[in-house]
Amino acid sequence: MTQTDANADIAELGYEEARAELVDVVRILEQGGLDLDASLALWERGEALANRCEEHLAGARRRVEVALAAAELETRD
């Protein structure tokens, strides 16, 4: 199984799920005790989770910007 395959499920996670798992990944990495391969795999999953969280936040930002622009247009009319 490739790392991409192992992280394929991340695309299905909501923000809260991805963030919660990312917190767990960070906690595990901070505890140490993993071999290099396991640490790297966990780090890569953490990166993928962080990217997924950023995707959700960027989408939310866009929605807020659209809503604000629409509200501004309504106040001009």
N, C-alpha and C. Protein backbone atom coordinates (compact mmCIF):
# COMPACT_ATOMS: atom_id res chain seq x y z
N MET A 1 0.85 -1.18 0.00
CA MET A 1 0.00 0.00 0.00
C MET A 1 0.89 1.24 0.00
N THR A 2 0.63 2.17 -0.90
CA THR A 2 1.43 3.40 -0.95
C THR A 2 0.93 4.37 0.10
N GLN A 3 1.73 5.39 0.37
CA GLN A 3 1.32 6.40 1.34
C GLN A 3 0.06 7.14 0.86
N THR A 4 -0.04 7.35 -0.45
CA THR A 4 -1.23 8.00 -1.00
C THR A 4 -2.46 7.17 -0.71
N ASP A 5 -2.36 5.84 -0.89
CA ASP A 5 -3.48 4.96 -0.59
C ASP A 5 -3.83 5.01 0.90
N ALA A 6 -2.82 5.04 1.74
CA ALA A 6 -3.04 5.06 3.18
C ALA A 6 -3.73 6.33 3.62
N ASN A 7 -3.54 7.42 2.89
CA ASN A 7 -4.13 8.70 3.26
C ASN A 7 -5.37 9.04 2.44
N ALA A 8 -5.84 8.13 1.60
CA ALA A 8 -6.99 8.39 0.74
C ALA A 8 -8.24 8.72 1.55
N ASP A 9 -8.38 8.12 2.71
CA ASP A 9 -9.56 8.36 3.53
C ASP A 9 -9.64 9.79 4.06
N ILE A 10 -8.54 10.49 4.07
CA ILE A 10 -8.50 11.85 4.60
C ILE A 10 -9.40 12.78 3.81
N ALA A 11 -9.51 12.54 2.52
CA ALA A 11 -10.35 13.40 1.67
C ALA A 11 -11.81 13.35 2.09
N GLU A 12 -12.21 12.32 2.80
CA GLU A 12 -13.59 12.17 3.23
C GLU A 12 -13.87 12.78 4.61
N LEU A 13 -12.82 13.22 5.29
CA LEU A 13 -12.98 13.71 6.66
C LEU A 13 -13.50 15.15 6.68
N GLY A 14 -14.38 15.41 7.62
CA GLY A 14 -14.80 16.77 7.90
C GLY A 14 -13.71 17.48 8.69
N TYR A 15 -13.88 18.79 8.86
CA TYR A 15 -12.86 19.57 9.55
C TYR A 15 -12.60 19.06 10.96
N GLU A 16 -13.65 18.87 11.73
CA GLU A 16 -13.48 18.46 13.12
C GLU A 16 -12.81 17.10 13.23
N GLU A 17 -13.17 16.18 12.34
CA GLU A 17 -12.55 14.85 12.36
C GLU A 17 -11.06 14.94 12.01
N ALA A 18 -10.75 15.70 10.98
CA ALA A 18 -9.35 15.84 10.55
C ALA A 18 -8.53 16.52 11.64
N ARG A 19 -9.10 17.54 12.25
CA ARG A 19 -8.37 18.26 13.30
C ARG A 19 -8.13 17.37 14.51
N ALA A 20 -9.15 16.62 14.91
CA ALA A 20 -9.00 15.72 16.07
C ALA A 20 -7.93 14.67 15.81
N GLU A 21 -7.92 14.11 14.60
CA GLU A 21 -6.89 13.12 14.30
C GLU A 21 -5.51 13.76 14.24
N LEU A 22 -5.44 14.98 13.71
CA LEU A 22 -4.17 15.69 13.66
C LEU A 22 -3.62 15.92 15.07
N VAL A 23 -4.49 16.29 15.99
CA VAL A 23 -4.08 16.47 17.39
C VAL A 23 -3.50 15.16 17.93
N ASP A 24 -4.14 14.04 17.62
CA ASP A 24 -3.65 12.73 18.06
C ASP A 24 -2.29 12.42 17.45
N VAL A 25 -2.13 12.71 16.16
CA VAL A 25 -0.85 12.47 15.48
C VAL A 25 0.26 13.26 16.15
N VAL A 26 0.01 14.52 16.42
CA VAL A 26 1.02 15.37 17.06
C VAL A 26 1.37 14.82 18.44
N ARG A 27 0.36 14.41 19.20
CA ARG A 27 0.60 13.86 20.54
C ARG A 27 1.49 12.63 20.47
N ILE A 28 1.17 11.73 19.53
CA ILE A 28 1.95 10.50 19.39
C ILE A 28 3.39 10.80 18.99
N LEU A 29 3.56 11.71 18.03
CA LEU A 29 4.91 12.07 17.59
C LEU A 29 5.71 12.72 18.72
N GLU A 30 5.05 13.55 19.52
CA GLU A 30 5.74 14.21 20.64
C GLU A 30 6.17 13.22 21.71
N GLN A 31 5.41 12.13 21.87
CA GLN A 31 5.76 11.12 22.86
C GLN A 31 7.03 10.38 22.47
N GLY A 32 7.25 10.27 21.15
CA GLY A 32 8.43 9.56 20.67
C GLY A 32 8.30 8.06 20.83
N GLY A 33 9.41 7.38 20.66
CA GLY A 33 9.43 5.94 20.83
C GLY A 33 9.11 5.14 19.58
N LEU A 34 8.76 5.81 18.49
CA LEU A 34 8.48 5.11 17.24
C LEU A 34 9.76 4.95 16.44
N ASP A 35 9.80 3.90 15.62
CA ASP A 35 10.95 3.78 14.74
C ASP A 35 10.83 4.83 13.62
N LEU A 36 11.89 4.99 12.85
CA LEU A 36 11.94 6.03 11.84
C LEU A 36 10.83 5.90 10.81
N ASP A 37 10.61 4.69 10.30
CA ASP A 37 9.57 4.49 9.28
C ASP A 37 8.18 4.83 9.81
N ALA A 38 7.89 4.40 11.01
CA ALA A 38 6.58 4.69 11.60
C ALA A 38 6.43 6.19 11.85
N SER A 39 7.49 6.82 12.31
CA SER A 39 7.46 8.27 12.54
C SER A 39 7.23 9.03 11.24
N LEU A 40 7.93 8.63 10.19
CA LEU A 40 7.75 9.29 8.89
C LEU A 40 6.35 9.10 8.34
N ALA A 41 5.82 7.90 8.46
CA ALA A 41 4.47 7.63 7.98
C ALA A 41 3.46 8.46 8.75
N LEU A 42 3.64 8.56 10.06
CA LEU A 42 2.74 9.35 10.88
C LEU A 42 2.87 10.83 10.55
N TRP A 43 4.11 11.29 10.36
CA TRP A 43 4.34 12.69 9.97
C TRP A 43 3.63 13.01 8.65
N GLU A 44 3.75 12.11 7.67
CA GLU A 44 3.10 12.32 6.37
C GLU A 44 1.59 12.35 6.52
N ARG A 45 1.05 11.50 7.36
CA ARG A 45 -0.40 11.53 7.59
C ARG A 45 -0.78 12.86 8.25
N GLY A 46 0.03 13.30 9.19
CA GLY A 46 -0.23 14.60 9.82
C GLY A 46 -0.22 15.73 8.82
N GLU A 47 0.72 15.71 7.88
CA GLU A 47 0.77 16.73 6.83
C GLU A 47 -0.51 16.69 5.99
N ALA A 48 -0.94 15.49 5.64
CA ALA A 48 -2.16 15.35 4.83
C ALA A 48 -3.38 15.83 5.62
N LEU A 49 -3.42 15.54 6.90
CA LEU A 49 -4.53 16.01 7.74
C LEU A 49 -4.52 17.54 7.86
N ALA A 50 -3.34 18.12 8.03
CA ALA A 50 -3.24 19.58 8.10
C ALA A 50 -3.70 20.22 6.80
N ASN A 51 -3.33 19.62 5.67
CA ASN A 51 -3.78 20.13 4.38
C ASN A 51 -5.29 20.05 4.24
N ARG A 52 -5.88 18.97 4.73
CA ARG A 52 -7.33 18.82 4.67
C ARG A 52 -8.02 19.88 5.52
N CYS A 53 -7.47 20.14 6.69
CA CYS A 53 -8.03 21.19 7.54
C CYS A 53 -7.95 22.54 6.82
N GLU A 54 -6.83 22.81 6.18
CA GLU A 54 -6.67 24.07 5.44
C GLU A 54 -7.66 24.17 4.30
N GLU A 55 -7.94 23.06 3.63
CA GLU A 55 -8.95 23.07 2.56
C GLU A 55 -10.32 23.48 3.11
N HIS A 56 -10.67 22.91 4.26
CA HIS A 56 -11.95 23.27 4.89
C HIS A 56 -11.98 24.75 5.27
N LEU A 57 -10.88 25.23 5.85
CA LEU A 57 -10.84 26.62 6.27
C LEU A 57 -10.87 27.57 5.07
N ALA A 58 -10.19 27.21 4.00
CA ALA A 58 -10.21 28.04 2.79
C ALA A 58 -11.62 28.09 2.21
N GLY A 59 -12.31 26.97 2.21
CA GLY A 59 -13.69 26.93 1.74
C GLY A 59 -14.60 27.80 2.59
N ALA A 60 -14.41 27.75 3.89
CA ALA A 60 -15.21 28.57 4.79
C ALA A 60 -14.92 30.05 4.56
N ARG A 61 -13.63 30.37 4.36
CA ARG A 61 -13.24 31.75 4.08
C ARG A 61 -13.93 32.27 2.83
N ARG A 62 -13.94 31.44 1.77
CA ARG A 62 -14.59 31.84 0.52
C ARG A 62 -16.08 32.07 0.73
N ARG A 63 -16.72 31.20 1.48
CA ARG A 63 -18.15 31.35 1.73
C ARG A 63 -18.45 32.64 2.49
N VAL A 64 -17.61 32.98 3.46
CA VAL A 64 -17.80 34.22 4.21
C VAL A 64 -17.60 35.43 3.28
N GLU A 65 -16.56 35.37 2.45
CA GLU A 65 -16.31 36.48 1.52
C GLU A 65 -17.48 36.67 0.56
N VAL A 66 -18.04 35.59 0.05
CA VAL A 66 -19.19 35.67 -0.85
C VAL A 66 -20.40 36.26 -0.12
N ALA A 67 -20.63 35.80 1.10
CA ALA A 67 -21.76 36.30 1.88
C ALA A 67 -21.60 37.79 2.19
N LEU A 68 -20.38 38.20 2.53
CA LEU A 68 -20.14 39.61 2.82
C LEU A 68 -20.32 40.47 1.56
N ALA A 69 -19.84 39.97 0.43
CA ALA A 69 -19.99 40.70 -0.82
C ALA A 69 -21.46 40.83 -1.19
N ALA A 70 -22.22 39.77 -1.00
CA ALA A 70 -23.66 39.80 -1.30
C ALA A 70 -24.37 40.79 -0.37
N ALA A 71 -24.00 40.79 0.89
CA ALA A 71 -24.62 41.71 1.85
C ALA A 71 -24.29 43.15 1.50
N GLU A 72 -23.07 43.38 1.05
CA GLU A 72 -22.67 44.74 0.65
C GLU A 72 -23.46 45.21 -0.57
N LEU A 73 -23.68 44.31 -1.51
CA LEU A 73 -24.47 44.65 -2.69
C LEU A 73 -25.91 44.98 -2.31
N GLU A 74 -26.46 44.25 -1.38
CA GLU A 74 -27.84 44.48 -0.93
C GLU A 74 -27.98 45.84 -0.25
N THR A 75 -26.97 46.25 0.49
CA THR A 75 -27.04 47.54 1.19
C THR A 75 -26.89 48.70 0.21
N ARG A 76 -26.26 48.47 -0.95
CA ARG A 76 -26.11 49.52 -1.95
C ARG A 76 -27.42 49.75 -2.72
N ASP A 77 -28.25 48.72 -2.80
CA ASP A 77 -29.48 48.84 -3.59
C ASP A 77 -30.55 49.60 -2.88
